[in-house]
Amino acid sequence: MYRLYALLLVVALASFCPHQLNAQQTAVDYFESGVTKSRTGDFTGALQAFSMAITMNPDNGPSYYNRGLAKANLKDHRGAILDYDRAIELNPKDALAFLSRGVSKSKQDDHRSALLDYGRAIELSPDDAQAYYNRGASRSRLEQYRGALQDFSRTLELEPNNQAALYARGITKQKLEEFSSSLVDFSKLIELNPKRAQAYASRGASRVELNDFTGAIADLNKAIELNPEDTESYLNRGFAKGKTEDFKGANVDFDRAIGLDKNSHRGYYGRGFCRSKLGDQKGAVQDFNQAIELNNTNTDTKVFFNGRLNRGALDNLRSVVQERNKMNELSNERSEAFFSLAVSRNKQGDAKLAIADLNKAIELNPTYAEAYFTRGMIKSAQNDQKGALLDCSSAIKLNPRYAEAYYIRGIIRHSLGDENGGCLDLSKAGELGYTPAYKVISDYCN
């Protein structure tokens, strides 16, 4: 991120006091030796040389600064900060000292303090692209994405082909959900460096978010070609293939992701989804269970059927929408994993565990209308009609245009004797486009 060696100050010679001729010459020799050693990567030797220069002339700021750089390259950031402190004390207008101290603070995850140093460096040297980039990186770490975006943009104004800034700005735009705009940055980066796998991977990820699954797959193919060990690219490509209903291809990608990272809960969830779509419910349940385990670190009510709809008729009419109780979307949400697990369990006839999984899905996402509706369907099939009514009502509250929920609530209400309320619900279902409701209305509401 930051080329410490590039900041060495060779202009420091002029700052030695002219009236100390012998000490001046000796200190200069040590200083020059330190610069030479730093340039060759001998930072231990450089540190010793700059220390000798400081001993000879303890008031020379550049010696402290360069010794700080040597310490930083040796990963002694605390020691480096002490030297930068002294360099700044001796020369409060040394922009590079503020910049370098900010880098060492960032290395210790003290990003808030680093921001102050980067800000001061920018005040002193407003056209230093590196200072803006570094401040943007720290802002990003603090989730100050809007400010980070401004800093990366300023970096690119000063250095239009700065690849690190292009990538960082693209990622920041993703954080801000500005996916279309991020494509521009990743595309420019690919133009500058066609062999950079992460640029294709990131552009592919943005295209997934934009529902351009074909384009995403093309980018992710290239990312994987350049870096066959990139787990994230397999996960994203599997997701994109699932969205194009290429479940066999998606299954292969999720397999590969799991092979690269056995703790990838997204890999297990995606593979479970594909297995379910391919008819392997047993394998799906195993994968969903594994996904949930990795991502963790109902009483029957007695019902009296006193409407014209008896239980047999209720079951028959409810079965019309049974196909609604299926997985329609592939998602990375944890609640979706529990929902999908519930669907597979219910298909295997394990309603009790299916309800438990839906309870968890709702706990994780209380606004999950589909989970309430599906739980209501299962409860109704288990003869918990009052519980089913509550779930259908919850689904309708969350999604007032949920036609199937009105339909199910309508036939349950009717079966429990609330003929007027039931028929009003059926009417609403039909109004919202669920046409089977009209057959029930014709048979039971006139």
Protein backbone atom coordinates (compact mmCIF):
# COMPACT_ATOMS: atom_id res chain seq x y z
CA MET A 1 0.00 0.00 0.00
CA TYR A 2 2.77 2.34 0.87
CA ARG A 3 6.32 2.46 -0.40
CA LEU A 4 8.30 3.52 2.64
CA TYR A 5 11.63 3.51 0.86
CA ALA A 6 10.33 6.16 -1.56
CA LEU A 7 10.02 8.69 1.23
CA LEU A 8 13.69 8.77 2.24
CA LEU A 9 14.92 12.32 2.56
CA VAL A 10 18.30 12.80 1.00
CA VAL A 11 18.00 16.57 1.24
CA ALA A 12 18.63 16.50 4.96
CA LEU A 13 22.31 17.33 4.61
CA ALA A 14 21.67 21.05 4.54
CA SER A 15 20.07 20.99 7.97
CA PHE A 16 23.23 20.16 9.89
CA CYS A 17 24.61 23.07 11.86
CA PRO A 18 27.57 24.62 10.01
CA HIS A 19 29.43 25.59 13.21
CA GLN A 20 29.92 21.92 14.17
CA LEU A 21 32.19 21.07 11.27
CA ASN A 22 33.74 17.81 12.51
CA ALA A 23 30.48 16.41 13.94
CA GLN A 24 28.65 17.62 10.84
CA GLN A 25 30.83 15.65 8.50
CA THR A 26 30.63 12.50 10.59
CA ALA A 27 26.86 12.74 11.01
CA VAL A 28 26.47 13.30 7.27
CA ASP A 29 28.48 10.19 6.56
CA TYR A 30 26.28 8.08 8.79
CA PHE A 31 23.13 9.63 7.33
CA GLU A 32 24.23 8.90 3.76
CA SER A 33 25.15 5.36 4.75
CA GLY A 34 21.66 4.90 6.24
CA VAL A 35 20.04 6.12 3.01
CA THR A 36 22.16 3.73 0.93
CA LYS A 37 21.39 0.77 3.17
CA SER A 38 17.67 1.56 3.09
CA ARG A 39 17.68 1.63 -0.70
CA THR A 40 19.27 -1.82 -0.80
CA GLY A 41 16.79 -3.22 1.73
CA ASP A 42 19.25 -3.46 4.60
CA PHE A 43 16.94 -1.81 7.11
CA THR A 44 18.77 -3.17 10.15
CA GLY A 45 21.99 -1.59 8.92
CA ALA A 46 20.13 1.60 8.03
CA LEU A 47 18.65 1.82 11.51
CA GLN A 48 22.13 1.56 13.06
CA ALA A 49 23.49 4.21 10.70
CA PHE A 50 20.68 6.67 11.39
CA SER A 51 21.09 6.06 15.13
CA MET A 52 24.74 7.04 14.84
CA ALA A 53 23.76 10.15 12.89
CA ILE A 54 21.31 11.05 15.66
CA THR A 55 24.00 10.52 18.29
CA MET A 56 26.23 12.93 16.38
CA ASN A 57 23.45 15.44 15.79
CA PRO A 58 20.37 14.86 17.98
CA ASP A 59 18.45 17.80 16.54
CA ASN A 60 18.32 16.66 12.92
CA GLY A 61 14.71 15.84 12.06
CA PRO A 62 15.37 13.88 8.83
CA SER A 63 17.56 11.40 10.73
CA TYR A 64 14.64 10.59 13.03
CA TYR A 65 12.29 10.42 10.09
CA ASN A 66 14.45 8.03 8.13
CA ARG A 67 15.14 5.90 11.17
CA GLY A 68 11.37 5.73 11.64
CA LEU A 69 11.05 4.46 8.07
CA ALA A 70 13.67 1.80 8.73
CA LYS A 71 11.85 0.69 11.88
CA ALA A 72 8.55 0.61 10.02
CA ASN A 73 10.07 -1.62 7.34
CA LEU A 74 11.19 -3.90 10.15
CA LYS A 75 7.56 -3.83 11.39
CA ASP A 76 8.49 -1.92 14.54
CA HIS A 77 5.66 0.57 14.15
CA ARG A 78 5.59 1.65 17.77
CA GLY A 79 9.26 2.56 17.59
CA ALA A 80 8.70 4.22 14.25
CA ILE A 81 5.97 6.42 15.70
CA LEU A 82 8.34 7.64 18.42
CA ASP A 83 10.85 8.68 15.77
CA TYR A 84 8.17 10.37 13.68
CA ASP A 85 6.99 12.18 16.81
CA ARG A 86 10.49 13.61 17.26
CA ALA A 87 10.81 14.46 13.57
CA ILE A 88 7.52 16.37 13.72
CA GLU A 89 8.57 18.11 16.93
CA LEU A 90 11.69 19.34 15.15
CA ASN A 91 9.82 20.22 11.95
CA PRO A 92 6.03 20.61 12.39
CA LYS A 93 5.62 21.21 8.66
CA ASP A 94 7.10 17.91 7.52
CA ALA A 95 4.20 16.44 5.54
CA LEU A 96 6.01 13.15 4.94
CA ALA A 97 6.52 12.62 8.67
CA PHE A 98 2.77 13.02 9.28
CA LEU A 99 2.03 10.71 6.37
CA SER A 100 4.45 8.03 7.57
CA ARG A 101 3.25 8.27 11.16
CA GLY A 102 -0.26 7.77 9.87
CA VAL A 103 0.87 4.63 8.05
CA SER A 104 2.40 3.16 11.22
CA LYS A 105 -0.74 4.00 13.20
CA SER A 106 -2.84 2.31 10.50
CA LYS A 107 -0.64 -0.76 10.76
CA GLN A 108 -1.61 -0.93 14.42
CA ASP A 109 -5.31 -0.46 13.54
CA ASP A 110 -5.34 2.98 15.16
CA HIS A 111 -7.23 4.38 12.20
CA ARG A 112 -8.89 7.29 13.97
CA SER A 113 -5.55 8.71 15.03
CA ALA A 114 -4.12 7.93 11.60
CA LEU A 115 -6.85 10.05 10.00
CA LEU A 116 -5.59 13.09 11.90
CA ASP A 117 -2.08 12.54 10.58
CA TYR A 118 -3.26 12.02 7.01
CA GLY A 119 -5.39 15.14 7.27
CA ARG A 120 -2.41 17.19 8.43
CA ALA A 121 -0.24 15.73 5.66
CA ILE A 122 -2.87 16.80 3.12
CA GLU A 123 -3.00 20.31 4.58
CA LEU A 124 0.75 20.60 4.21
CA SER A 125 0.91 18.91 0.79
CA PRO A 126 -2.53 19.11 -0.87
CA ASP A 127 -1.41 17.43 -4.09
CA ASP A 128 0.01 14.26 -2.51
CA ALA A 129 -2.02 11.42 -4.03
CA GLN A 130 -0.64 8.90 -1.53
CA ALA A 131 -1.98 10.86 1.43
CA TYR A 132 -5.50 10.86 0.01
CA TYR A 133 -5.26 7.17 -0.77
CA ASN A 134 -4.09 6.31 2.74
CA ARG A 135 -6.78 8.42 4.34
CA GLY A 136 -9.37 6.75 2.16
CA ALA A 137 -8.09 3.33 3.25
CA SER A 138 -8.41 4.24 6.93
CA ARG A 139 -11.83 5.76 6.42
CA SER A 140 -12.90 2.56 4.73
CA ARG A 141 -11.66 0.52 7.68
CA LEU A 142 -13.80 2.74 9.91
CA GLU A 143 -16.77 2.20 7.55
CA GLN A 144 -16.73 5.87 6.60
CA TYR A 145 -17.39 4.87 3.02
CA ARG A 146 -18.62 8.19 1.68
CA GLY A 147 -15.49 9.98 2.88
CA ALA A 148 -13.33 7.13 1.59
CA LEU A 149 -14.95 7.47 -1.82
CA GLN A 150 -14.07 11.16 -1.92
CA ASP A 151 -10.45 10.43 -1.00
CA PHE A 152 -10.02 7.70 -3.61
CA SER A 153 -11.59 9.97 -6.21
CA ARG A 154 -9.14 12.73 -5.32
CA THR A 155 -6.27 10.24 -5.63
CA LEU A 156 -7.46 9.40 -9.12
CA GLU A 157 -7.76 13.07 -10.06
CA LEU A 158 -4.07 13.38 -9.24
CA GLU A 159 -3.07 9.97 -10.64
CA PRO A 160 -5.74 8.75 -13.12
CA ASN A 161 -4.06 5.36 -13.63
CA ASN A 162 -3.45 4.55 -9.97
CA GLN A 163 -4.49 0.89 -9.94
CA ALA A 164 -4.72 0.58 -6.17
CA ALA A 165 -7.05 3.58 -6.01
CA LEU A 166 -9.22 2.29 -8.86
CA TYR A 167 -9.67 -1.03 -7.12
CA ALA A 168 -10.28 0.59 -3.72
CA ARG A 169 -12.82 3.00 -5.16
CA GLY A 170 -14.65 0.18 -6.92
CA ILE A 171 -14.83 -1.82 -3.69
CA THR A 172 -16.01 1.27 -1.79
CA LYS A 173 -18.78 1.81 -4.34
CA GLN A 174 -19.85 -1.78 -3.74
CA LYS A 175 -20.05 -1.02 -0.01
CA LEU A 176 -22.28 1.94 -0.87
CA GLU A 177 -24.33 -0.29 -3.20
CA GLU A 178 -23.31 1.84 -6.19
CA PHE A 179 -22.77 -1.27 -8.27
CA SER A 180 -23.24 0.26 -11.72
CA SER A 181 -20.64 2.91 -11.00
CA SER A 182 -18.22 0.33 -9.63
CA LEU A 183 -18.21 -1.41 -13.01
CA VAL A 184 -16.48 1.63 -14.52
CA ASP A 185 -13.59 1.40 -12.05
CA PHE A 186 -13.12 -2.33 -12.40
CA SER A 187 -13.30 -2.08 -16.20
CA LYS A 188 -10.62 0.64 -16.22
CA LEU A 189 -8.48 -1.50 -13.95
CA ILE A 190 -8.85 -4.46 -16.31
CA GLU A 191 -7.87 -2.21 -19.22
CA LEU A 192 -4.71 -1.20 -17.33
CA ASN A 193 -3.93 -4.69 -16.05
CA PRO A 194 -5.71 -7.51 -17.95
CA LYS A 195 -4.05 -10.15 -15.76
CA ARG A 196 -5.43 -8.91 -12.44
CA ALA A 197 -7.79 -11.67 -11.34
CA GLN A 198 -9.39 -9.69 -8.54
CA ALA A 199 -10.56 -7.01 -10.96
CA TYR A 200 -12.59 -9.58 -12.89
CA ALA A 201 -13.80 -11.17 -9.66
CA SER A 202 -14.99 -7.84 -8.28
CA ARG A 203 -16.65 -6.79 -11.52
CA GLY A 204 -18.37 -10.15 -11.61
CA ALA A 205 -19.61 -9.64 -8.05
CA SER A 206 -21.08 -6.25 -9.00
CA ARG A 207 -22.78 -7.79 -12.03
CA VAL A 208 -24.36 -10.41 -9.78
CA GLU A 209 -25.84 -7.59 -7.69
CA LEU A 210 -27.14 -5.98 -10.88
CA ASN A 211 -28.75 -9.28 -11.95
CA ASP A 212 -26.48 -9.48 -14.99
CA PHE A 213 -25.80 -13.13 -14.37
CA THR A 214 -24.50 -13.90 -17.85
CA GLY A 215 -21.99 -11.07 -17.65
CA ALA A 216 -21.07 -12.09 -14.12
CA ILE A 217 -20.36 -15.66 -15.19
CA ALA A 218 -18.08 -14.42 -17.99
CA ASP A 219 -16.09 -12.26 -15.56
CA LEU A 220 -15.89 -14.97 -12.95
CA ASN A 221 -14.74 -17.48 -15.56
CA LYS A 222 -11.80 -15.17 -16.27
CA ALA A 223 -11.13 -14.57 -12.57
CA ILE A 224 -10.99 -18.31 -11.94
CA GLU A 225 -8.79 -18.87 -15.00
CA LEU A 226 -6.30 -16.37 -13.57
CA ASN A 227 -6.66 -17.57 -9.97
CA PRO A 228 -8.07 -21.12 -9.70
CA GLU A 229 -7.87 -21.01 -5.89
CA ASP A 230 -10.28 -18.08 -5.40
CA THR A 231 -13.08 -19.49 -3.26
CA GLU A 232 -15.18 -16.33 -3.47
CA SER A 233 -15.27 -16.47 -7.27
CA TYR A 234 -16.56 -20.05 -7.22
CA LEU A 235 -19.25 -19.04 -4.73
CA ASN A 236 -20.34 -16.06 -6.82
CA ARG A 237 -20.26 -18.03 -10.06
CA GLY A 238 -22.28 -20.81 -8.44
CA PHE A 239 -24.79 -18.22 -7.30
CA ALA A 240 -25.01 -16.72 -10.80
CA LYS A 241 -25.41 -20.15 -12.40
CA GLY A 242 -28.16 -20.96 -9.93
CA LYS A 243 -29.96 -17.81 -10.98
CA THR A 244 -29.78 -18.96 -14.61
CA GLU A 245 -31.13 -22.37 -13.50
CA ASP A 246 -27.89 -24.14 -14.36
CA PHE A 247 -28.09 -26.10 -11.13
CA LYS A 248 -25.68 -28.81 -12.22
CA GLY A 249 -23.04 -26.23 -13.08
CA ALA A 250 -23.72 -24.32 -9.89
CA ASN A 251 -23.42 -27.53 -7.89
CA VAL A 252 -19.94 -28.10 -9.34
CA ASP A 253 -18.88 -24.59 -8.34
CA PHE A 254 -20.17 -24.96 -4.78
CA ASP A 255 -18.38 -28.32 -4.59
CA ARG A 256 -15.16 -26.60 -5.59
CA ALA A 257 -15.69 -23.80 -3.08
CA ILE A 258 -16.18 -26.34 -0.31
CA GLY A 259 -13.07 -28.17 -1.46
CA LEU A 260 -11.08 -24.95 -1.12
CA ASP A 261 -12.71 -23.94 2.16
CA LYS A 262 -14.35 -26.70 4.17
CA ASN A 263 -15.80 -24.05 6.50
CA SER A 264 -17.65 -22.16 3.78
CA HIS A 265 -21.24 -22.06 5.00
CA ARG A 266 -22.20 -20.29 1.78
CA GLY A 267 -20.78 -23.21 -0.17
CA TYR A 268 -22.85 -25.75 1.75
CA TYR A 269 -25.96 -23.63 1.54
CA GLY A 270 -25.58 -23.12 -2.22
CA ARG A 271 -24.91 -26.80 -2.80
CA GLY A 272 -27.88 -27.71 -0.65
CA PHE A 273 -30.08 -25.46 -2.72
CA CYS A 274 -28.82 -27.06 -5.94
CA ARG A 275 -29.26 -30.56 -4.57
CA SER A 276 -32.83 -29.76 -3.63
CA LYS A 277 -33.52 -28.41 -7.11
CA LEU A 278 -31.95 -31.55 -8.58
CA GLY A 279 -34.17 -33.78 -6.44
CA ASP A 280 -31.61 -34.87 -3.84
CA GLN A 281 -33.55 -33.84 -0.72
CA LYS A 282 -31.47 -36.00 1.60
CA GLY A 283 -28.24 -34.42 0.40
CA ALA A 284 -29.87 -30.99 0.58
CA VAL A 285 -30.83 -31.44 4.21
CA GLN A 286 -27.29 -32.56 5.06
CA ASP A 287 -25.83 -29.48 3.37
CA PHE A 288 -28.31 -27.08 4.93
CA ASN A 289 -27.57 -28.53 8.35
CA GLN A 290 -23.84 -28.12 7.75
CA ALA A 291 -24.31 -24.54 6.53
CA ILE A 292 -26.30 -23.62 9.61
CA GLU A 293 -23.89 -25.35 11.96
CA LEU A 294 -20.96 -23.49 10.43
CA ASN A 295 -22.76 -20.17 10.52
CA ASN A 296 -23.67 -20.49 14.21
CA THR A 297 -20.71 -20.14 16.20
CA ASN A 298 -45.62 -26.25 18.43
CA THR A 299 -48.61 -27.39 20.20
CA ASP A 300 -51.67 -28.61 18.34
CA THR A 301 -54.82 -26.62 18.95
CA LYS A 302 -58.19 -28.30 19.06
CA VAL A 303 -60.28 -27.04 16.17
CA PHE A 304 -63.99 -27.29 15.52
CA PHE A 305 -64.91 -27.12 11.86
CA ASN A 306 -68.26 -25.42 12.02
CA GLY A 307 -68.38 -23.80 8.60
CA ARG A 308 -69.42 -25.37 5.37
CA LEU A 309 -65.74 -26.15 4.75
CA ASN A 310 -64.87 -29.33 6.64
CA ARG A 311 -61.30 -30.49 7.19
CA GLY A 312 -61.26 -32.64 4.07
CA ALA A 313 -62.44 -29.75 1.90
CA LEU A 314 -59.96 -27.43 3.60
CA ASP A 315 -57.08 -29.80 2.89
CA ASN A 316 -58.10 -30.14 -0.75
CA LEU A 317 -58.43 -26.40 -1.28
CA ARG A 318 -55.18 -25.67 0.53
CA SER A 319 -53.33 -28.15 -1.69
CA VAL A 320 -54.04 -25.89 -4.66
CA VAL A 321 -51.31 -23.55 -3.43
CA GLN A 322 -49.02 -26.24 -2.06
CA GLU A 323 -46.53 -25.50 -4.82
CA ARG A 324 -46.04 -22.07 -3.29
CA ASN A 325 -44.22 -23.90 -0.53
CA LYS A 326 -40.99 -24.19 -2.45
CA MET A 327 -37.62 -22.47 -2.82
CA ASN A 328 -37.83 -19.72 -5.39
CA GLU A 329 -34.65 -17.78 -4.74
CA LEU A 330 -31.00 -18.50 -4.10
CA SER A 331 -29.68 -16.09 -1.51
CA ASN A 332 -26.72 -15.62 0.80
CA GLU A 333 -28.98 -14.67 3.73
CA ARG A 334 -28.75 -16.97 6.75
CA SER A 335 -32.53 -16.90 7.18
CA GLU A 336 -32.84 -18.27 3.64
CA ALA A 337 -30.78 -21.29 4.67
CA PHE A 338 -33.24 -22.14 7.43
CA PHE A 339 -36.16 -21.52 5.08
CA SER A 340 -34.69 -23.81 2.43
CA LEU A 341 -33.90 -26.45 5.03
CA ALA A 342 -37.52 -26.29 6.22
CA VAL A 343 -38.83 -26.75 2.71
CA SER A 344 -36.66 -29.81 2.16
CA ARG A 345 -37.64 -31.28 5.53
CA ASN A 346 -41.32 -30.76 4.79
CA LYS A 347 -40.95 -32.48 1.43
CA GLN A 348 -39.51 -35.43 3.35
CA GLY A 349 -42.55 -35.40 5.65
CA ASP A 350 -40.81 -33.99 8.75
CA ALA A 351 -43.24 -31.16 9.56
CA LYS A 352 -42.11 -30.72 13.17
CA LEU A 353 -38.51 -30.00 12.24
CA ALA A 354 -39.66 -27.91 9.29
CA ILE A 355 -41.61 -25.65 11.64
CA ALA A 356 -38.61 -25.38 13.96
CA ASP A 357 -36.47 -24.27 11.02
CA LEU A 358 -39.06 -21.71 9.94
CA ASN A 359 -39.16 -20.42 13.51
CA LYS A 360 -35.43 -19.79 13.24
CA ALA A 361 -35.76 -18.17 9.82
CA ILE A 362 -38.35 -15.78 11.22
CA GLU A 363 -36.24 -15.09 14.30
CA LEU A 364 -33.35 -14.09 12.02
CA ASN A 365 -35.60 -12.09 9.67
CA PRO A 366 -38.86 -10.98 11.32
CA THR A 367 -40.01 -9.38 8.05
CA TYR A 368 -39.80 -12.64 6.08
CA ALA A 369 -43.38 -12.87 4.76
CA GLU A 370 -42.74 -16.08 2.80
CA ALA A 371 -41.54 -17.86 5.94
CA TYR A 372 -44.70 -16.89 7.86
CA PHE A 373 -46.87 -18.06 4.98
CA THR A 374 -45.02 -21.37 4.61
CA ARG A 375 -45.21 -21.99 8.34
CA GLY A 376 -48.93 -21.25 8.21
CA MET A 377 -49.39 -23.78 5.42
CA ILE A 378 -47.58 -26.47 7.41
CA LYS A 379 -49.47 -25.64 10.61
CA SER A 380 -52.76 -25.88 8.77
CA ALA A 381 -51.80 -29.27 7.36
CA GLN A 382 -50.98 -30.33 10.96
CA ASN A 383 -54.43 -29.10 12.01
CA ASP A 384 -53.15 -26.07 13.94
CA GLN A 385 -55.62 -23.80 12.16
CA LYS A 386 -55.46 -20.96 14.68
CA GLY A 387 -51.69 -20.87 14.44
CA ALA A 388 -52.00 -20.94 10.67
CA LEU A 389 -54.37 -17.95 10.78
CA LEU A 390 -51.88 -15.94 12.81
CA ASP A 391 -49.09 -16.74 10.38
CA CYS A 392 -51.15 -15.83 7.34
CA SER A 393 -52.14 -12.56 9.01
CA SER A 394 -48.47 -11.83 9.70
CA ALA A 395 -47.60 -12.52 6.07
CA ILE A 396 -50.36 -10.18 4.91
CA LYS A 397 -49.25 -7.45 7.30
CA LEU A 398 -45.74 -7.68 5.87
CA ASN A 399 -46.94 -7.96 2.28
CA PRO A 400 -50.45 -6.51 1.78
CA ARG A 401 -50.50 -7.86 -1.79
CA TYR A 402 -49.84 -11.46 -0.80
CA ALA A 403 -52.74 -13.04 -2.68
CA GLU A 404 -52.08 -16.64 -1.65
CA ALA A 405 -52.00 -15.64 2.01
CA TYR A 406 -55.43 -14.06 1.68
CA TYR A 407 -56.65 -17.22 -0.04
CA ILE A 408 -55.40 -19.57 2.69
CA ARG A 409 -56.63 -17.31 5.46
CA GLY A 410 -59.97 -17.09 3.73
CA ILE A 411 -60.57 -20.84 3.49
CA ILE A 412 -59.37 -21.38 7.07
CA ARG A 413 -61.65 -18.63 8.38
CA HIS A 414 -64.55 -20.08 6.46
CA SER A 415 -63.84 -23.55 7.84
CA LEU A 416 -63.86 -22.19 11.40
CA GLY A 417 -67.25 -20.57 10.92
CA ASP A 418 -66.28 -17.02 9.98
CA GLU A 419 -67.97 -17.18 6.61
CA ASN A 420 -68.08 -13.43 6.07
CA GLY A 421 -64.44 -12.86 6.96
CA GLY A 422 -63.40 -15.89 4.96
CA CYS A 423 -65.22 -14.79 1.85
CA LEU A 424 -63.84 -11.25 2.14
CA ASP A 425 -60.33 -12.71 2.20
CA LEU A 426 -61.09 -14.89 -0.80
CA SER A 427 -62.40 -11.84 -2.61
CA LYS A 428 -59.21 -9.96 -1.87
CA ALA A 429 -57.15 -12.91 -3.12
CA GLY A 430 -59.04 -12.87 -6.38
CA GLU A 431 -58.69 -9.10 -6.64
CA LEU A 432 -54.94 -9.48 -6.29
CA GLY A 433 -54.85 -11.96 -9.15
CA TYR A 434 -55.17 -15.35 -7.51
CA THR A 435 -57.96 -16.66 -9.73
CA PRO A 436 -58.57 -20.05 -8.00
CA ALA A 437 -60.20 -18.01 -5.24
CA TYR A 438 -63.18 -17.35 -7.47
CA LYS A 439 -64.02 -21.05 -7.73
CA VAL A 440 -64.10 -21.26 -3.91
CA ILE A 441 -66.20 -18.12 -3.73
CA SER A 442 -68.61 -19.61 -6.24
CA ASP A 443 -68.91 -22.83 -4.24
CA TYR A 444 -68.95 -21.53 -0.67
CA CYS A 445 -69.77 -17.82 -0.58
CA ASN A 446 -73.13 -17.68 -2.32
